[in-house]
Protein backbone atom coordinates (compact mmCIF):
# COMPACT_ATOMS: atom_id res chain seq x y z
CA MET A 1 -3.38 16.48 -16.06
CA VAL A 2 1.25 17.38 -19.58
CA SER A 3 7.41 15.63 -20.81
CA LYS A 4 9.04 14.99 -24.06
CA LEU A 5 12.41 13.64 -22.87
CA ARG A 6 13.93 16.90 -23.87
CA ALA A 7 15.45 18.69 -20.88
CA VAL A 8 15.42 22.01 -22.68
CA LEU A 9 11.63 21.80 -22.85
CA LYS A 10 11.08 20.61 -19.31
CA SER A 11 10.19 23.99 -17.86
CA THR A 12 7.20 24.27 -20.20
CA ARG A 13 5.73 20.90 -19.24
CA ASN A 14 4.64 21.66 -15.67
CA THR A 15 0.95 21.10 -16.35
CA PHE A 16 0.99 17.44 -17.60
CA ILE A 17 1.42 16.21 -19.41
CA ALA A 18 2.53 15.92 -18.24
CA THR A 19 3.34 16.46 -17.88
CA CYS A 20 2.76 18.28 -19.12
CA ALA A 21 2.27 21.40 -21.37
CA ILE A 22 4.40 20.75 -24.43
CA ALA A 23 6.74 23.46 -25.71
CA LEU A 24 5.58 24.00 -29.27
CA LEU A 25 6.73 27.15 -31.03
CA ILE A 26 4.08 28.74 -33.24
CA GLY A 27 6.42 30.48 -35.63
CA THR A 28 4.66 33.86 -35.64
CA SER A 29 5.07 37.12 -33.76
CA VAL A 30 2.44 39.70 -32.96
CA SER A 31 2.09 42.90 -31.04
CA PRO A 32 0.72 42.90 -27.45
CA ALA A 33 -2.40 44.65 -28.76
CA GLN A 34 -3.11 41.82 -31.20
CA ALA A 35 -2.62 39.23 -28.49
CA ALA A 36 -4.95 41.03 -26.13
CA ASN A 37 -7.64 41.31 -28.78
CA SER A 38 -7.66 37.56 -29.46
CA ASP A 39 -7.43 36.39 -25.85
CA LYS A 40 -10.93 37.23 -24.60
CA GLY A 41 -12.19 34.13 -22.80
CA LEU A 42 -8.76 32.64 -22.13
CA TYR A 43 -8.28 31.25 -18.61
CA GLY A 44 -5.08 31.78 -16.66
CA THR A 45 -2.37 34.41 -16.44
CA THR A 46 0.71 32.38 -17.40
CA ASP A 47 2.54 32.89 -20.70
CA PRO A 48 0.23 31.38 -23.35
CA THR A 49 2.88 30.90 -26.03
CA TYR A 50 3.61 27.21 -25.64
CA SER A 51 0.50 25.77 -24.01
CA ALA A 52 -2.57 28.02 -24.24
CA VAL A 53 -4.82 25.47 -25.97
CA TYR A 54 -3.53 22.71 -23.73
CA ASN A 55 -4.23 24.69 -20.55
CA GLN A 56 -7.59 26.04 -21.74
CA SER A 57 -8.73 22.53 -22.60
CA LEU A 58 -7.70 21.16 -19.21
CA ALA A 59 -9.48 24.06 -17.49
CA ILE A 60 -12.68 23.35 -19.45
CA LEU A 61 -12.45 19.62 -18.69
CA GLY A 62 -11.92 20.42 -15.02
CA LEU A 63 -14.93 22.73 -14.88
CA ASP A 64 -17.08 20.18 -16.69
CA SER A 65 -15.97 17.45 -14.28
CA ILE A 66 -17.20 19.36 -11.23
CA GLY A 67 -20.46 20.37 -12.92
CA VAL A 68 -19.69 24.06 -13.45
CA GLY A 69 -19.07 24.18 -17.17
CA ALA A 70 -17.16 26.77 -19.18
CA ASN A 71 -18.83 29.99 -20.30
CA ARG A 72 -19.40 31.04 -23.90
CA ALA A 73 -16.30 33.24 -24.07
CA ALA A 74 -14.05 30.34 -23.05
CA MET A 75 -15.51 28.08 -25.71
CA THR A 76 -15.40 30.79 -28.36
CA TRP A 77 -11.70 31.33 -27.67
CA LEU A 78 -11.00 27.61 -28.06
CA VAL A 79 -13.10 27.24 -31.23
CA ASN A 80 -11.34 30.22 -32.80
CA GLN A 81 -7.95 28.60 -32.15
CA GLN A 82 -8.75 25.62 -34.39
CA CYS A 83 -6.77 25.37 -37.61
CA ALA A 84 -8.51 25.05 -40.95
CA ASP A 85 -7.51 21.36 -41.14
CA GLY A 86 -9.03 20.57 -37.74
CA GLY A 87 -5.85 20.50 -35.68
CA PHE A 88 -4.73 22.87 -32.94
CA GLN A 89 -1.35 24.40 -32.39
CA ALA A 90 -0.23 25.65 -28.99
CA TYR A 91 -1.36 29.24 -29.43
CA ARG A 92 -2.46 31.56 -32.21
CA PRO A 93 -2.08 35.16 -31.03
CA ASP A 94 -3.73 36.35 -34.24
CA THR A 95 -6.31 33.88 -35.54
CA ASN A 96 -6.45 35.73 -38.86
CA ILE A 97 -3.05 34.21 -39.60
CA PRO A 98 -3.27 30.54 -40.74
CA CYS A 99 -1.67 27.85 -38.61
CA ALA A 100 1.98 27.12 -39.26
CA SER A 101 2.94 24.15 -41.41
CA PRO A 102 3.93 21.07 -39.39
CA ASP A 103 7.65 20.94 -38.65
CA PRO A 104 8.60 18.14 -36.21
CA GLU A 105 12.22 19.28 -36.07
CA ASN A 106 11.33 22.72 -34.75
CA PHE A 107 8.07 21.79 -32.98
CA THR A 108 5.94 24.14 -35.03
CA GLY A 109 2.46 23.64 -36.40
CA PRO A 110 -0.56 21.73 -35.08
CA SER A 111 0.15 19.40 -32.17
CA THR A 112 -1.42 16.06 -31.31
CA ASP A 113 -1.31 16.86 -27.59
CA GLN A 114 -3.10 20.19 -27.94
CA THR A 115 -5.57 18.78 -30.50
CA ALA A 116 -6.52 15.74 -28.43
CA LEU A 117 -7.26 17.72 -25.28
CA ALA A 118 -9.13 20.36 -27.29
CA ALA A 119 -11.25 17.61 -28.89
CA LEU A 120 -12.16 16.25 -25.46
CA ALA A 121 -13.04 19.72 -24.16
CA LEU A 122 -15.10 20.61 -27.23
CA ASN A 123 -17.00 17.34 -27.09
CA ALA A 124 -17.69 17.75 -23.36
CA GLN A 125 -19.27 21.15 -24.00
CA GLY A 126 -21.36 20.10 -27.00
CA LYS A 127 -19.15 21.51 -29.76
CA PHE A 128 -19.50 18.33 -31.77
CA VAL A 129 -18.72 19.73 -35.24
CA GLU A 130 -15.38 21.15 -34.09
CA SER A 131 -14.61 18.06 -32.03
CA LYS A 132 -15.23 15.80 -35.02
CA LYS A 133 -12.87 17.91 -37.14
CA ALA A 134 -10.19 17.46 -34.49
CA LEU A 135 -10.86 13.71 -34.40
CA THR A 136 -10.46 13.53 -38.18
CA TRP A 137 -7.14 15.36 -37.90
CA LEU A 138 -5.90 12.93 -35.24
CA LYS A 139 -6.75 9.96 -37.42
CA ARG A 140 -4.94 11.51 -40.37
CA VAL A 141 -1.61 12.02 -38.56
CA ALA A 142 -1.30 8.39 -37.38
CA THR A 143 1.94 6.84 -38.63
CA LYS A 144 4.13 3.78 -38.17
CA ASP A 145 7.36 3.71 -36.18
CA ALA A 146 10.56 1.85 -37.07
CA GLN A 147 9.09 -1.37 -35.61
CA GLY A 148 6.01 -1.11 -37.82
CA LEU A 149 3.64 -0.19 -34.98
CA THR A 150 1.08 2.56 -35.51
CA GLY A 151 1.11 5.51 -33.13
CA LEU A 152 0.67 9.27 -33.12
CA PRO A 153 3.50 11.80 -33.35
CA THR A 154 3.54 15.05 -31.42
CA ILE A 155 3.90 16.92 -34.73
CA GLN A 156 2.75 15.45 -38.04
CA GLY A 157 5.72 13.94 -39.86
CA GLY A 158 7.57 13.00 -36.69
CA ALA A 159 7.92 9.59 -35.06
CA PRO A 160 5.14 8.30 -32.78
CA ASP A 161 5.59 8.75 -29.02
CA ALA A 162 3.82 7.62 -25.87
CA ILE A 163 2.34 10.93 -24.76
CA ALA A 164 0.90 11.99 -28.09
CA THR A 165 -0.45 8.50 -28.75
CA ALA A 166 -2.02 8.19 -25.30
CA LEU A 167 -3.85 11.51 -25.51
CA GLY A 168 -4.96 10.91 -29.08
CA TYR A 169 -6.09 7.43 -28.14
CA LEU A 170 -8.50 8.86 -25.56
CA VAL A 171 -10.33 10.66 -28.36
CA ILE A 172 -10.15 7.95 -31.02
CA ASN A 173 -11.08 5.12 -28.66
CA ASP A 174 -14.04 7.08 -27.31
CA ALA A 175 -15.36 7.58 -30.84
CA ALA A 176 -14.74 4.05 -32.13
CA PRO A 177 -13.25 1.61 -29.57
CA THR A 178 -13.47 -1.39 -31.90
CA SER A 179 -11.91 0.38 -34.89
CA ALA A 180 -8.68 -0.89 -36.41
CA LEU A 181 -6.91 2.36 -35.53
CA ALA A 182 -7.94 2.22 -31.87
CA LYS A 183 -6.68 -1.37 -31.67
CA SER A 184 -3.40 -0.39 -33.34
CA LEU A 185 -2.85 2.50 -30.93
CA ARG A 186 -3.51 0.20 -27.96
CA ALA A 187 -0.94 -2.22 -29.33
CA TYR A 188 1.61 0.59 -29.68
CA LEU A 189 1.08 1.75 -26.11
CA SER A 190 1.25 -1.80 -24.75
CA ALA A 191 4.53 -2.42 -26.57
CA LEU A 192 6.18 0.38 -24.59
CA VAL A 193 5.60 -1.30 -21.21
CA THR A 194 8.61 -3.06 -19.65
CA PRO A 195 8.41 -6.57 -18.12
CA CYS A 196 7.98 -6.92 -14.36
CA GLY A 197 11.34 -8.56 -13.76
CA GLN A 198 13.36 -5.70 -15.24
CA GLU A 199 14.58 -2.60 -13.45
CA ARG A 200 11.58 -0.27 -13.07
CA GLY A 201 9.36 -3.03 -14.36
CA GLY A 202 5.93 -1.84 -15.41
CA ALA A 203 7.13 1.58 -16.57
CA ALA A 204 6.63 2.76 -20.13
CA ALA A 205 9.24 4.16 -22.47
CA TYR A 206 8.80 7.44 -24.27
CA SER A 207 8.92 5.59 -27.59
CA ASN A 208 10.41 2.50 -29.20
CA GLU A 209 13.20 4.73 -30.51
CA VAL A 210 13.89 6.14 -27.04
CA PRO A 211 13.84 3.15 -24.66
CA GLY A 212 14.05 3.26 -20.89
CA ALA A 213 11.58 4.07 -18.14
CA ASN A 214 10.00 7.51 -18.27
CA ASN A 215 7.54 8.53 -15.57
CA SER A 216 5.67 11.15 -17.57
CA ALA A 217 5.25 8.73 -20.46
CA THR A 218 4.08 6.02 -18.07
CA ALA A 219 1.49 8.29 -16.46
CA HIS A 220 0.18 9.34 -19.88
CA VAL A 221 -0.05 5.79 -21.17
CA TYR A 222 -1.95 4.70 -18.07
CA PHE A 223 -4.22 7.73 -18.33
CA GLY A 224 -4.89 6.96 -21.98
CA LEU A 225 -5.78 3.34 -21.23
CA LYS A 226 -7.65 3.74 -17.91
CA GLY A 227 -8.41 7.42 -17.41
CA ASN A 228 -11.22 9.60 -18.61
CA ALA A 229 -11.81 13.29 -19.29
CA PRO A 230 -14.10 14.75 -18.06
CA VAL A 231 -13.80 12.74 -14.86
CA TRP A 232 -16.42 11.10 -12.66
CA LYS A 233 -16.13 10.16 -9.00
CA ALA A 234 -14.22 6.96 -8.36
CA GLY A 235 -15.77 4.22 -6.31
CA LYS A 236 -14.25 2.28 -3.45
CA LEU A 237 -10.62 1.50 -4.24
CA LYS A 238 -8.78 -1.76 -3.75
CA ALA A 239 -5.16 -1.99 -2.65
CA ASN A 240 -2.27 -1.00 -4.90
CA PRO A 241 -2.16 -3.28 -7.97
CA ARG A 242 0.63 -5.81 -8.37
CA CYS A 243 2.90 -6.16 -11.36
CA GLY A 244 1.79 -9.10 -13.48
CA ALA A 245 0.99 -10.30 -16.98
CA ASN A 246 -1.62 -7.63 -17.72
CA LYS A 247 0.28 -4.66 -19.09
CA THR A 248 -2.27 -2.06 -18.05
CA THR A 249 -2.24 -3.32 -14.47
CA ARG A 250 1.55 -3.38 -14.72
CA LEU A 251 1.53 0.35 -15.44
CA GLY A 252 -0.69 1.00 -12.44
CA SER A 253 1.55 -1.08 -10.21
CA TYR A 254 4.65 0.86 -11.21
CA LEU A 255 3.00 4.25 -10.77
CA ALA A 256 1.43 3.35 -7.43
CA ASN A 257 4.79 2.14 -6.13
CA GLN A 258 6.48 5.33 -7.30
CA MET A 259 3.94 7.38 -5.34
CA SER A 260 4.04 5.21 -2.23
CA THR A 261 6.65 7.31 -0.42
CA ASP A 262 5.62 10.96 -0.66
CA GLY A 263 2.69 10.74 -3.07
CA LEU A 264 4.48 12.43 -5.95
CA LEU A 265 5.86 11.21 -9.26
CA SER A 266 9.23 12.54 -10.29
CA TYR A 267 10.18 13.59 -13.82
CA TYR A 268 12.41 10.50 -14.00
CA PRO A 269 14.80 10.22 -15.80
CA TYR A 270 14.95 13.94 -15.07
CA ASP A 271 14.89 15.73 -11.72
CA GLY A 272 11.99 17.40 -9.98
CA ASN A 273 8.39 16.57 -9.17
CA ASP A 274 5.86 16.08 -11.97
CA PHE A 275 2.59 17.35 -10.50
CA GLY A 276 0.66 16.89 -13.73
CA ALA A 277 1.66 13.24 -14.06
CA THR A 278 0.78 12.75 -10.39
CA ALA A 279 -2.69 14.20 -10.96
CA ALA A 280 -3.22 12.02 -14.02
CA THR A 281 -2.16 8.93 -12.07
CA VAL A 282 -4.50 9.69 -9.15
CA ILE A 283 -7.37 9.93 -11.63
CA SER A 284 -6.34 6.82 -13.57
CA LEU A 285 -5.95 4.67 -10.47
CA GLY A 286 -9.37 5.85 -9.32
CA MET A 287 -10.95 4.94 -12.65
CA ALA A 288 -9.24 1.54 -12.53
CA GLY A 289 -10.46 0.94 -8.96
CA TYR A 290 -7.01 0.37 -7.46
CA GLY A 291 -4.35 2.18 -5.49
CA LYS A 292 -6.15 3.14 -2.29
CA GLN A 293 -2.93 3.91 -0.42
CA SER A 294 -1.18 5.72 -3.25
CA VAL A 295 -4.24 7.72 -4.28
CA ALA A 296 -4.57 8.98 -0.71
CA LYS A 297 -0.92 9.98 -0.63
CA GLY A 298 -1.11 11.56 -4.09
CA LEU A 299 -4.16 13.60 -3.11
CA ALA A 300 -2.45 14.82 0.06
CA ALA A 301 0.70 15.76 -1.87
CA LEU A 302 -1.26 17.65 -4.53
CA LYS A 303 -3.15 19.58 -1.86
CA LYS A 304 0.12 20.43 -0.14
CA ASN A 305 1.60 21.72 -3.40
CA THR A 306 -1.48 23.41 -4.87
CA LYS A 307 -0.28 26.95 -4.34
CA SER A 308 3.29 26.28 -5.47
CA TRP A 309 2.06 24.60 -8.67
CA ALA A 310 -1.20 26.25 -9.68
CA LEU A 311 -0.32 29.72 -8.37
CA LYS A 312 3.45 29.77 -8.81
CA ASP A 313 4.95 33.26 -8.96
CA SER A 314 1.47 34.73 -8.41
CA GLN A 315 0.39 33.48 -11.85
CA THR A 316 -2.77 31.39 -12.30
CA ASN A 317 -1.91 28.18 -14.14
CA ALA A 318 -5.21 27.20 -15.77
CA GLY A 319 -4.00 23.77 -16.82
CA ALA A 320 -2.87 22.90 -13.30
CA ILE A 321 -6.21 24.04 -11.87
CA GLY A 322 -7.97 21.92 -14.50
CA TRP A 323 -6.06 18.84 -13.37
CA LEU A 324 -6.77 19.59 -9.72
CA MET A 325 -10.49 20.01 -10.41
CA MET A 326 -10.51 16.59 -12.06
CA VAL A 327 -8.63 15.15 -9.09
CA SER A 328 -11.16 16.71 -6.73
CA LYS A 329 -14.01 15.07 -8.65
CA SER A 330 -12.32 11.68 -8.80
CA THR A 331 -11.55 11.68 -5.08
CA GLY A 332 -14.75 13.32 -3.86
CA THR A 333 -12.87 16.37 -2.57
CA ASN A 334 -14.33 19.89 -2.40
CA PRO A 335 -12.79 21.92 -5.28
CA LYS A 336 -13.58 25.13 -3.40
CA LYS A 337 -11.36 24.06 -0.50
CA PHE A 338 -8.49 22.28 -2.19
CA GLY A 339 -5.12 22.86 -0.58
CA GLY A 340 -6.31 26.18 0.78
CA VAL A 341 -7.44 27.37 -2.66
CA ASN A 342 -10.90 27.85 -4.14
CA LEU A 343 -10.09 26.33 -7.51
CA VAL A 344 -13.35 27.50 -9.08
CA SER A 345 -13.26 31.18 -8.16
CA THR A 346 -9.51 31.38 -8.78
CA LEU A 347 -9.86 30.04 -12.31
CA LEU A 348 -12.91 32.13 -13.17
CA ALA A 349 -11.26 35.29 -11.85
CA SER A 350 -8.27 34.70 -14.15
CA GLN A 351 -10.36 34.71 -17.34
CA LYS A 352 -9.50 37.50 -19.75
C-alpha cells in the first residue's frame, strides 16, 4: 500500500499511496558519505529522498504481517528519523540536522502520510513511546476545511485531504475509536464519497476543495475505513458489494467495479496503473469480507506486475514489497513465491 492530484508529483507516488509515496522535499542537502552513514538498516535501493520513511514503514508492516518481523537495524533507522515534535518527514539524510519547518506550499517538513505509516510500523514492533509521540503529532495537525469539517493535511498548515486523513485516521481510530477526533475524521472521509446515481458513483474526491472522482483517494479512504496494518488473513469473501446508502460499502462497490476488468486500478483522473492503490483495495475488500471476483483479479494482476513494480529498473522498491507482503497475507498467498519473486529474501537482501 501511496497520489496527490498533482501530475508533477505522480512519478514519486508509485508505492501507494498510493498511491502512493508522496513527493515531499526535505529542504536539506548532504554529501553521499553522510547519507551512507545514516542509512544503515534502510530497506530498498530506490532513491530515498521523497519516500524513505514511507517505504521503510510499509516494508516493516509487510514483514510483520507475514510473521517475519523487522530486525533491530531497521527499527533503529526508523526511530532515528523521527522529528523532535513526533512527526516524520520523508527522509533525513543527516539526523543531526533538525527537521524542516512545515511548509505546505513547498511540501517540506513533517508529513502526515509518512508519520501515520511510521506510527503503525513502530506500534507493530513494540516501539510504543515513539508511536505515541507520532500519534500526538497527528492529533495536533488536525484542522478544519472550508466546509468546517475536520481532517488532516499532508503538511501542517495546509488544507485537509483524503489520503492524509485516511492514513492518519488508521492510527487515531486504533488508539481511540470513540474519541471526538476519530468521529470527526470519519465524517470528513464520508463527506468525500459521491452518490450512487452520479457518474463514478461511490468514488471519493481528493478533498472538498478539489471535487471529482479520484481513484487513489478512493482507495485510501476505503483502506482507512476498512483496512488494517499489519494485515491478517481474510476469511471467505462474498460477491462484489453493491452501491447503496452505506458510504463505506459504496466505496468498496466503486473500487471492485473498477478492478473487474483487468484487476488494476488506474490513477484516474490521470493515466497509468496505480499498483499501490490496487494492493490497498485488495486488502480492504478482504478485511470487509467482499469482492471475491475483484480480489482474485487484483491478486492475479499484482502477481503479473510484481517484477515491473517492485523491481523496476533493477531497483528494490521496499514500499511496493511491503504492500505485496500484506496482500500475500490477506489472500493466503506464499510471499516467497509471489509473481516469481521471493518477497522476503529480496527485501532482506536490499537492506543497507
